[in-house]
C-alpha atoms as a PDB file:
ATOM      1  CA  UNK A   1       2.711  -0.454  22.737  1.00  0.00           C
ATOM      2  CA  UNK A   2       1.837  -4.102  22.150  1.00  0.00           C
ATOM      3  CA  UNK A   3       4.235  -7.010  22.480  1.00  0.00           C
ATOM      4  CA  UNK A   4       4.038  -9.478  19.609  1.00  0.00           C
ATOM      5  CA  UNK A   5       5.594 -12.934  19.811  1.00  0.00           C
ATOM      6  CA  UNK A   6       5.567 -14.529  16.350  1.00  0.00           C
ATOM      7  CA  UNK A   7       6.122 -18.287  16.264  1.00  0.00           C
ATOM      8  CA  UNK A   8       7.023 -19.848  12.931  1.00  0.00           C
ATOM      9  CA  UNK A   9       5.773 -23.099  11.459  1.00  0.00           C
ATOM     10  CA  UNK A  10       7.447 -26.354  10.479  1.00  0.00           C
ATOM     11  CA  UNK A  11      10.691 -26.261   8.470  1.00  0.00           C
ATOM     12  CA  UNK A  12      10.902 -22.491   9.034  1.00  0.00           C
ATOM     13  CA  UNK A  13      12.646 -20.311  11.615  1.00  0.00           C
ATOM     14  CA  UNK A  14      12.549 -16.814  12.997  1.00  0.00           C
ATOM     15  CA  UNK A  15      13.914 -15.715   9.615  1.00  0.00           C
ATOM     16  CA  UNK A  16      10.454 -15.997   8.014  1.00  0.00           C
ATOM     17  CA  UNK A  17       9.260 -12.833   9.804  1.00  0.00           C
ATOM     18  CA  UNK A  18      11.971 -10.653   8.236  1.00  0.00           C
ATOM     19  CA  UNK A  19       9.538  -8.583   6.171  1.00  0.00           C
ATOM     20  CA  UNK A  20       6.771  -8.100   8.723  1.00  0.00           C
ATOM     21  CA  UNK A  21       8.650  -7.520  11.998  1.00  0.00           C
ATOM     22  CA  UNK A  22       9.975  -4.095  10.876  1.00  0.00           C
ATOM     23  CA  UNK A  23       6.437  -2.986   9.969  1.00  0.00           C
ATOM     24  CA  UNK A  24       5.194  -3.753  13.474  1.00  0.00           C
ATOM     25  CA  UNK A  25       8.229  -2.152  15.103  1.00  0.00           C
ATOM     26  CA  UNK A  26       7.861   1.024  13.040  1.00  0.00           C
ATOM     27  CA  UNK A  27       4.300   1.258  14.358  1.00  0.00           C
ATOM     28  CA  UNK A  28       5.764   1.382  17.874  1.00  0.00           C
ATOM     29  CA  UNK A  29       5.367  -2.212  18.987  1.00  0.00           C
ATOM     30  CA  UNK A  30       7.772  -4.740  20.466  1.00  0.00           C
ATOM     31  CA  UNK A  31       8.345  -7.878  18.394  1.00  0.00           C
ATOM     32  CA  UNK A  32       9.988 -11.185  19.268  1.00  0.00           C
ATOM     33  CA  UNK A  33      10.579 -13.845  16.588  1.00  0.00           C
ATOM     34  CA  UNK A  34      11.987 -16.902  18.370  1.00  0.00           C
ATOM     35  CA  UNK A  35      13.400 -19.859  16.444  1.00  0.00           C
ATOM     36  CA  UNK A  36      12.358 -23.268  17.735  1.00  0.00           C
ATOM     37  CA  UNK A  37      15.035 -25.803  18.658  1.00  0.00           C
ATOM     38  CA  UNK A  38      16.556 -27.640  15.699  1.00  0.00           C
ATOM     39  CA  UNK A  39      15.363 -25.195  13.043  1.00  0.00           C
ATOM     40  CA  UNK A  40      16.545 -21.989  11.376  1.00  0.00           C
ATOM     41  CA  UNK A  41      19.495 -20.433  13.174  1.00  0.00           C
ATOM     42  CA  UNK A  42      19.184 -23.230  15.747  1.00  0.00           C
ATOM     43  CA  UNK A  43      19.420 -26.048  13.181  1.00  0.00           C
ATOM     44  CA  UNK A  44      22.822 -26.945  14.631  1.00  0.00           C
ATOM     45  CA  UNK A  45      20.924 -28.160  17.736  1.00  0.00           C
ATOM     46  CA  UNK A  46      18.951 -30.751  15.747  1.00  0.00           C
ATOM     47  CA  UNK A  47      19.034 -34.192  17.370  1.00  0.00           C
ATOM     48  CA  UNK A  48      16.733 -37.170  17.897  1.00  0.00           C
ATOM     49  CA  UNK A  49      14.075 -36.609  20.544  1.00  0.00           C
ATOM     50  CA  UNK A  50      13.114 -32.994  19.815  1.00  0.00           C
ATOM     51  CA  UNK A  51       9.351 -32.953  20.322  1.00  0.00           C
ATOM     52  CA  UNK A  52       6.376 -30.645  20.695  1.00  0.00           C
ATOM     53  CA  UNK A  53       6.966 -30.257  24.435  1.00  0.00           C
ATOM     54  CA  UNK A  54      10.444 -28.868  23.807  1.00  0.00           C
ATOM     55  CA  UNK A  55       9.135 -26.345  21.297  1.00  0.00           C
ATOM     56  CA  UNK A  56       6.447 -25.260  23.764  1.00  0.00           C
ATOM     57  CA  UNK A  57       9.185 -24.834  26.356  1.00  0.00           C
ATOM     58  CA  UNK A  58      11.140 -22.653  23.910  1.00  0.00           C
ATOM     59  CA  UNK A  59       8.269 -20.168  23.829  1.00  0.00           C
ATOM     60  CA  UNK A  60       7.380 -20.378  27.516  1.00  0.00           C
ATOM     61  CA  UNK A  61      11.031 -19.715  28.381  1.00  0.00           C
ATOM     62  CA  UNK A  62      11.038 -16.610  26.176  1.00  0.00           C
ATOM     63  CA  UNK A  63       7.901 -15.279  27.864  1.00  0.00           C
ATOM     64  CA  UNK A  64       9.426 -15.866  31.291  1.00  0.00           C
ATOM     65  CA  UNK A  65      13.007 -14.730  30.651  1.00  0.00           C
ATOM     66  CA  UNK A  66      11.856 -11.513  28.953  1.00  0.00           C
ATOM     67  CA  UNK A  67       9.069 -11.155  31.553  1.00  0.00           C
ATOM     68  CA  UNK A  68       6.512 -10.543  28.821  1.00  0.00           C
ATOM     69  CA  UNK A  69       2.877  -9.734  29.620  1.00  0.00           C
ATOM     70  CA  UNK A  70      -0.181  -8.688  27.625  1.00  0.00           C
ATOM     71  CA  UNK A  71       1.273 -10.544  24.637  1.00  0.00           C
ATOM     72  CA  UNK A  72      -0.282 -11.066  21.219  1.00  0.00           C
ATOM     73  CA  UNK A  73       0.996 -14.597  20.630  1.00  0.00           C
ATOM     74  CA  UNK A  74       0.851 -15.726  17.008  1.00  0.00           C
ATOM     75  CA  UNK A  75       1.468 -19.206  15.641  1.00  0.00           C
ATOM     76  CA  UNK A  76       1.833 -19.922  11.947  1.00  0.00           C
ATOM     77  CA  UNK A  77       0.971 -23.401  10.624  1.00  0.00           C
ATOM     78  CA  UNK A  78       2.578 -25.978  12.975  1.00  0.00           C
ATOM     79  CA  UNK A  79       3.242 -23.005  15.258  1.00  0.00           C
ATOM     80  CA  UNK A  80      -0.433 -23.195  16.212  1.00  0.00           C
ATOM     81  CA  UNK A  81       0.392 -26.374  18.134  1.00  0.00           C
ATOM     82  CA  UNK A  82       3.218 -24.582  19.905  1.00  0.00           C
ATOM     83  CA  UNK A  83       1.364 -21.396  20.863  1.00  0.00           C
ATOM     84  CA  UNK A  84      -1.606 -23.400  22.130  1.00  0.00           C
ATOM     85  CA  UNK A  85       0.693 -25.295  24.476  1.00  0.00           C
ATOM     86  CA  UNK A  86       2.517 -22.126  25.514  1.00  0.00           C
ATOM     87  CA  UNK A  87      -0.742 -20.274  26.218  1.00  0.00           C
ATOM     88  CA  UNK A  88      -2.012 -23.234  28.225  1.00  0.00           C
ATOM     89  CA  UNK A  89       1.101 -22.968  30.402  1.00  0.00           C
ATOM     90  CA  UNK A  90       1.211 -19.147  30.543  1.00  0.00           C
ATOM     91  CA  UNK A  91      -2.350 -17.905  30.005  1.00  0.00           C
ATOM     92  CA  UNK A  92      -1.899 -14.961  32.382  1.00  0.00           C
ATOM     93  CA  UNK A  93       0.768 -13.498  30.083  1.00  0.00           C
ATOM     94  CA  UNK A  94      -1.362 -13.581  26.925  1.00  0.00           C
ATOM     95  CA  UNK A  95      -3.716 -10.877  25.620  1.00  0.00           C
ATOM     96  CA  UNK A  96      -4.727 -12.606  22.388  1.00  0.00           C
ATOM     97  CA  UNK A  97      -3.909 -15.781  20.477  1.00  0.00           C
ATOM     98  CA  UNK A  98      -3.587 -15.453  16.707  1.00  0.00           C
ATOM     99  CA  UNK A  99      -3.598 -18.513  14.459  1.00  0.00           C
ATOM    100  CA  UNK A 100      -2.121 -17.720  11.040  1.00  0.00           C
ATOM    101  CA  UNK A 101      -3.330 -20.542   8.784  1.00  0.00           C
ATOM    102  CA  UNK A 102      -2.506 -22.787  11.712  1.00  0.00           C
ATOM    103  CA  UNK A 103      -3.507 -25.842  13.693  1.00  0.00           C
ATOM    104  CA  UNK A 104      -5.915 -25.160  16.548  1.00  0.00           C
ATOM    105  CA  UNK A 105      -5.426 -28.469  18.355  1.00  0.00           C
ATOM    106  CA  UNK A 106      -7.731 -30.320  20.682  1.00  0.00           C
ATOM    107  CA  UNK A 107      -6.306 -31.899  23.806  1.00  0.00           C
ATOM    108  CA  UNK A 108      -4.667 -35.235  23.001  1.00  0.00           C
ATOM    109  CA  UNK A 109      -4.289 -34.557  19.270  1.00  0.00           C
ATOM    110  CA  UNK A 110      -1.016 -34.333  17.342  1.00  0.00           C
ATOM    111  CA  UNK A 111      -0.289 -32.313  14.217  1.00  0.00           C
ATOM    112  CA  UNK A 112      -0.494 -35.339  11.919  1.00  0.00           C
ATOM    113  CA  UNK A 113      -4.061 -35.956  13.104  1.00  0.00           C
ATOM    114  CA  UNK A 114      -5.021 -32.868  11.100  1.00  0.00           C
ATOM    115  CA  UNK A 115      -2.760 -33.064   8.048  1.00  0.00           C
ATOM    116  CA  UNK A 116      -4.224 -34.096   4.684  1.00  0.00           C
ATOM    117  CA  UNK A 117      -4.082 -37.939   4.856  1.00  0.00           C
ATOM    118  CA  UNK A 118      -1.816 -38.621   1.880  1.00  0.00           C
ATOM    119  CA  UNK A 119       0.589 -35.899   3.023  1.00  0.00           C
ATOM    120  CA  UNK A 120       0.538 -37.241   6.590  1.00  0.00           C
ATOM    121  CA  UNK A 121       1.369 -40.733   5.285  1.00  0.00           C
ATOM    122  CA  UNK A 122       4.355 -39.366   3.376  1.00  0.00           C
ATOM    123  CA  UNK A 123       5.556 -37.488   6.457  1.00  0.00           C
ATOM    124  CA  UNK A 124       5.266 -40.645   8.563  1.00  0.00           C
ATOM    125  CA  UNK A 125       7.260 -42.670   6.040  1.00  0.00           C
ATOM    126  CA  UNK A 126       9.966 -40.021   5.753  1.00  0.00           C
ATOM    127  CA  UNK A 127      10.108 -39.215   9.458  1.00  0.00           C
ATOM    128  CA  UNK A 128      10.027 -42.819  10.593  1.00  0.00           C
ATOM    129  CA  UNK A 129      13.224 -43.513   8.673  1.00  0.00           C
ATOM    130  CA  UNK A 130      15.185 -40.366   9.434  1.00  0.00           C
ATOM    131  CA  UNK A 131      13.608 -38.993  12.666  1.00  0.00           C
ATOM    132  CA  UNK A 132      12.979 -35.802  10.711  1.00  0.00           C
ATOM    133  CA  UNK A 133      10.849 -34.740   7.761  1.00  0.00           C
ATOM    134  CA  UNK A 134      12.128 -33.035   4.608  1.00  0.00           C
ATOM    135  CA  UNK A 135      10.427 -29.788   3.561  1.00  0.00           C
ATOM    136  CA  UNK A 136       7.660 -30.086   0.961  1.00  0.00           C
ATOM    137  CA  UNK A 137       7.963 -28.098  -2.286  1.00  0.00           C
ATOM    138  CA  UNK A 138       7.880 -24.363  -1.639  1.00  0.00           C
ATOM    139  CA  UNK A 139       4.961 -24.036  -4.048  1.00  0.00           C
ATOM    140  CA  UNK A 140       2.764 -25.632  -1.366  1.00  0.00           C
ATOM    141  CA  UNK A 141       3.310 -22.458   0.669  1.00  0.00           C
ATOM    142  CA  UNK A 142       2.566 -20.258  -2.344  1.00  0.00           C
ATOM    143  CA  UNK A 143       6.248 -19.415  -2.822  1.00  0.00           C
ATOM    144  CA  UNK A 144       6.870 -19.538  -6.564  1.00  0.00           C
ATOM    145  CA  UNK A 145       8.459 -16.198  -7.448  1.00  0.00           C
ATOM    146  CA  UNK A 146      12.254 -16.450  -7.843  1.00  0.00           C
ATOM    147  CA  UNK A 147      12.928 -13.915  -5.096  1.00  0.00           C
ATOM    148  CA  UNK A 148      10.735 -15.814  -2.613  1.00  0.00           C
ATOM    149  CA  UNK A 149      12.310 -19.140  -3.496  1.00  0.00           C
ATOM    150  CA  UNK A 150      15.798 -17.664  -3.191  1.00  0.00           C
ATOM    151  CA  UNK A 151      14.911 -16.321   0.248  1.00  0.00           C
ATOM    152  CA  UNK A 152      13.263 -19.427   1.695  1.00  0.00           C
ATOM    153  CA  UNK A 153      14.956 -22.453   0.126  1.00  0.00           C
ATOM    154  CA  UNK A 154      18.416 -22.116   1.721  1.00  0.00           C
ATOM    155  CA  UNK A 155      16.886 -21.340   5.120  1.00  0.00           C
ATOM    156  CA  UNK A 156      14.458 -24.237   5.451  1.00  0.00           C
ATOM    157  CA  UNK A 157      15.506 -27.184   7.629  1.00  0.00           C
ATOM    158  CA  UNK A 158      14.254 -30.689   8.211  1.00  0.00           C
ATOM    159  CA  UNK A 159      11.485 -30.812  10.830  1.00  0.00           C
ATOM    160  CA  UNK A 160      12.010 -33.051  13.894  1.00  0.00           C
ATOM    161  CA  UNK A 161       9.527 -35.899  13.423  1.00  0.00           C
ATOM    162  CA  UNK A 162       8.321 -36.117  17.027  1.00  0.00           C
ATOM    163  CA  UNK A 163       7.059 -32.548  16.858  1.00  0.00           C
ATOM    164  CA  UNK A 164       4.438 -33.906  14.454  1.00  0.00           C
ATOM    165  CA  UNK A 165       3.581 -37.083  16.347  1.00  0.00           C
ATOM    166  CA  UNK A 166       3.535 -36.014  20.005  1.00  0.00           C
ATOM    167  CA  UNK A 167      -0.009 -35.177  21.166  1.00  0.00           C
ATOM    168  CA  UNK A 168      -0.561 -31.871  22.894  1.00  0.00           C
ATOM    169  CA  UNK A 169      -1.439 -32.168  26.579  1.00  0.00           C
ATOM    170  CA  UNK A 170      -3.495 -29.275  27.921  1.00  0.00           C
ATOM    171  CA  UNK A 171      -3.907 -28.798  31.665  1.00  0.00           C
ATOM    172  CA  UNK A 172      -5.476 -25.335  31.840  1.00  0.00           C
ATOM    173  CA  UNK A 173      -8.225 -25.532  29.232  1.00  0.00           C
ATOM    174  CA  UNK A 174     -10.635 -23.224  31.061  1.00  0.00           C
ATOM    175  CA  UNK A 175      -8.151 -20.335  31.067  1.00  0.00           C
ATOM    176  CA  UNK A 176      -7.141 -21.139  27.484  1.00  0.00           C
ATOM    177  CA  UNK A 177     -10.771 -21.022  26.380  1.00  0.00           C
ATOM    178  CA  UNK A 178     -11.221 -17.524  27.853  1.00  0.00           C
ATOM    179  CA  UNK A 179      -8.411 -15.975  25.810  1.00  0.00           C
ATOM    180  CA  UNK A 180      -9.486 -13.843  22.841  1.00  0.00           C
ATOM    181  CA  UNK A 181      -8.585 -15.559  19.573  1.00  0.00           C
ATOM    182  CA  UNK A 182      -8.126 -14.695  15.910  1.00  0.00           C
ATOM    183  CA  UNK A 183      -7.909 -17.019  12.915  1.00  0.00           C
ATOM    184  CA  UNK A 184      -6.329 -15.814   9.659  1.00  0.00           C
ATOM    185  CA  UNK A 185      -7.031 -18.073   6.700  1.00  0.00           C
ATOM    186  CA  UNK A 186      -4.707 -18.078   3.688  1.00  0.00           C
ATOM    187  CA  UNK A 187      -6.983 -19.229   0.898  1.00  0.00           C
ATOM    188  CA  UNK A 188      -5.169 -18.833  -2.417  1.00  0.00           C
ATOM    189  CA  UNK A 189      -3.715 -21.349  -2.814  1.00  0.00           C
ATOM    190  CA  UNK A 190      -4.961 -23.167   0.272  1.00  0.00           C
ATOM    191  CA  UNK A 191      -2.813 -26.080   1.469  1.00  0.00           C
ATOM    192  CA  UNK A 192      -5.894 -28.187   2.277  1.00  0.00           C
ATOM    193  CA  UNK A 193      -4.791 -28.858   5.849  1.00  0.00           C
ATOM    194  CA  UNK A 194      -6.214 -25.714   7.455  1.00  0.00           C
ATOM    195  CA  UNK A 195      -9.528 -25.492   5.612  1.00  0.00           C
ATOM    196  CA  UNK A 196     -11.333 -27.301   8.437  1.00  0.00           C
ATOM    197  CA  UNK A 197     -10.251 -24.681  10.952  1.00  0.00           C
ATOM    198  CA  UNK A 198     -11.291 -21.837   8.658  1.00  0.00           C
ATOM    199  CA  UNK A 199     -14.714 -23.420   8.189  1.00  0.00           C
ATOM    200  CA  UNK A 200     -15.089 -23.858  11.945  1.00  0.00           C
ATOM    201  CA  UNK A 201     -14.113 -20.343  13.014  1.00  0.00           C
ATOM    202  CA  UNK A 202     -15.350 -18.241  10.089  1.00  0.00           C
ATOM    203  CA  UNK A 203     -18.781 -17.789  11.702  1.00  0.00           C
ATOM    204  CA  UNK A 204     -17.863 -18.355  15.340  1.00  0.00           C
ATOM    205  CA  UNK A 205     -18.801 -15.213  17.288  1.00  0.00           C
ATOM    206  CA  UNK A 206     -16.114 -15.985  19.857  1.00  0.00           C
ATOM    207  CA  UNK A 207     -13.389 -15.642  17.228  1.00  0.00           C
ATOM    208  CA  UNK A 208     -12.194 -12.855  14.969  1.00  0.00           C
ATOM    209  CA  UNK A 209     -11.782 -14.217  11.456  1.00  0.00           C
ATOM    210  CA  UNK A 210      -9.856 -12.831   8.502  1.00  0.00           C
ATOM    211  CA  UNK A 211      -9.193 -14.239   5.047  1.00  0.00           C
ATOM    212  CA  UNK A 212      -6.114 -13.380   3.030  1.00  0.00           C
ATOM    213  CA  UNK A 213      -6.338 -14.374  -0.612  1.00  0.00           C
ATOM    214  CA  UNK A 214      -2.736 -15.468  -0.710  1.00  0.00           C
ATOM    215  CA  UNK A 215      -0.615 -18.530  -0.084  1.00  0.00           C
ATOM    216  CA  UNK A 216       0.250 -20.156   3.229  1.00  0.00           C
ATOM    217  CA  UNK A 217       3.401 -18.102   3.869  1.00  0.00           C
ATOM    218  CA  UNK A 218       1.528 -14.802   4.072  1.00  0.00           C
ATOM    219  CA  UNK A 219       4.299 -13.175   6.114  1.00  0.00           C
ATOM    220  CA  UNK A 220       6.550 -13.451   3.044  1.00  0.00           C
ATOM    221  CA  UNK A 221       3.928 -13.021   0.327  1.00  0.00           C
ATOM    222  CA  UNK A 222       1.815 -10.147   1.698  1.00  0.00           C
ATOM    223  CA  UNK A 223       3.574  -8.711   4.765  1.00  0.00           C
ATOM    224  CA  UNK A 224       1.779  -5.355   4.529  1.00  0.00           C
ATOM    225  CA  UNK A 225      -1.677  -6.936   4.484  1.00  0.00           C
ATOM    226  CA  UNK A 226      -0.827  -9.269   7.345  1.00  0.00           C
ATOM    227  CA  UNK A 227       0.707  -6.425   9.364  1.00  0.00           C
ATOM    228  CA  UNK A 228      -2.503  -4.420   8.965  1.00  0.00           C
ATOM    229  CA  UNK A 229      -4.502  -7.261  10.509  1.00  0.00           C
ATOM    230  CA  UNK A 230      -2.037  -7.625  13.370  1.00  0.00           C
ATOM    231  CA  UNK A 231      -2.000  -3.909  14.032  1.00  0.00           C
ATOM    232  CA  UNK A 232      -5.759  -4.005  14.310  1.00  0.00           C
ATOM    233  CA  UNK A 233      -5.326  -6.727  16.949  1.00  0.00           C
ATOM    234  CA  UNK A 234      -2.939  -4.417  18.780  1.00  0.00           C
END
């Protein structure tokens, strides 16, 4: 049995894993799908000052309270920032890091350092006024079918702005570097933000690389294909 901890991206919540978590559980694995503070079923906790550190603490607390070890820790999109910070703090608990079309941040960088410039500018303008950022159109994530839109639209929440602007601070980079890692690139349609990471890790012998010819929200669009990749990691 493998323990999977699946960390969602910006504007999402634990709800986004609804179609893939049962596939992993039916294969005999344990699955946790935490929701980060201020989002999803924890949107009622939204307040000024929620930042990347708090979201990292959300995941670290789960690992500690559930006493999880040998974990496959996956971050989707912005969740790559979060799982990198959590693995830095709890490297001994992690078996493998999986980045699902996600940021793989360098020490001292924030999420907006990597976002497509015009999109980052819009996020800064929106977030600077409201301390949170409205969700982009669902089509950016590849969600265009009516059933996907009906599932995601009412569940999305505004993203706390400081989660995008606070740089990640890594203190255990040597241990973090030793962890096995996987990058899963969602290429059709690509958002543009994660292409640089795909290009970097596609031929890196230290990484396992997969490409899914689907949109950014692969866990909704192609849960069976994504589950097959994760089960191989298990």
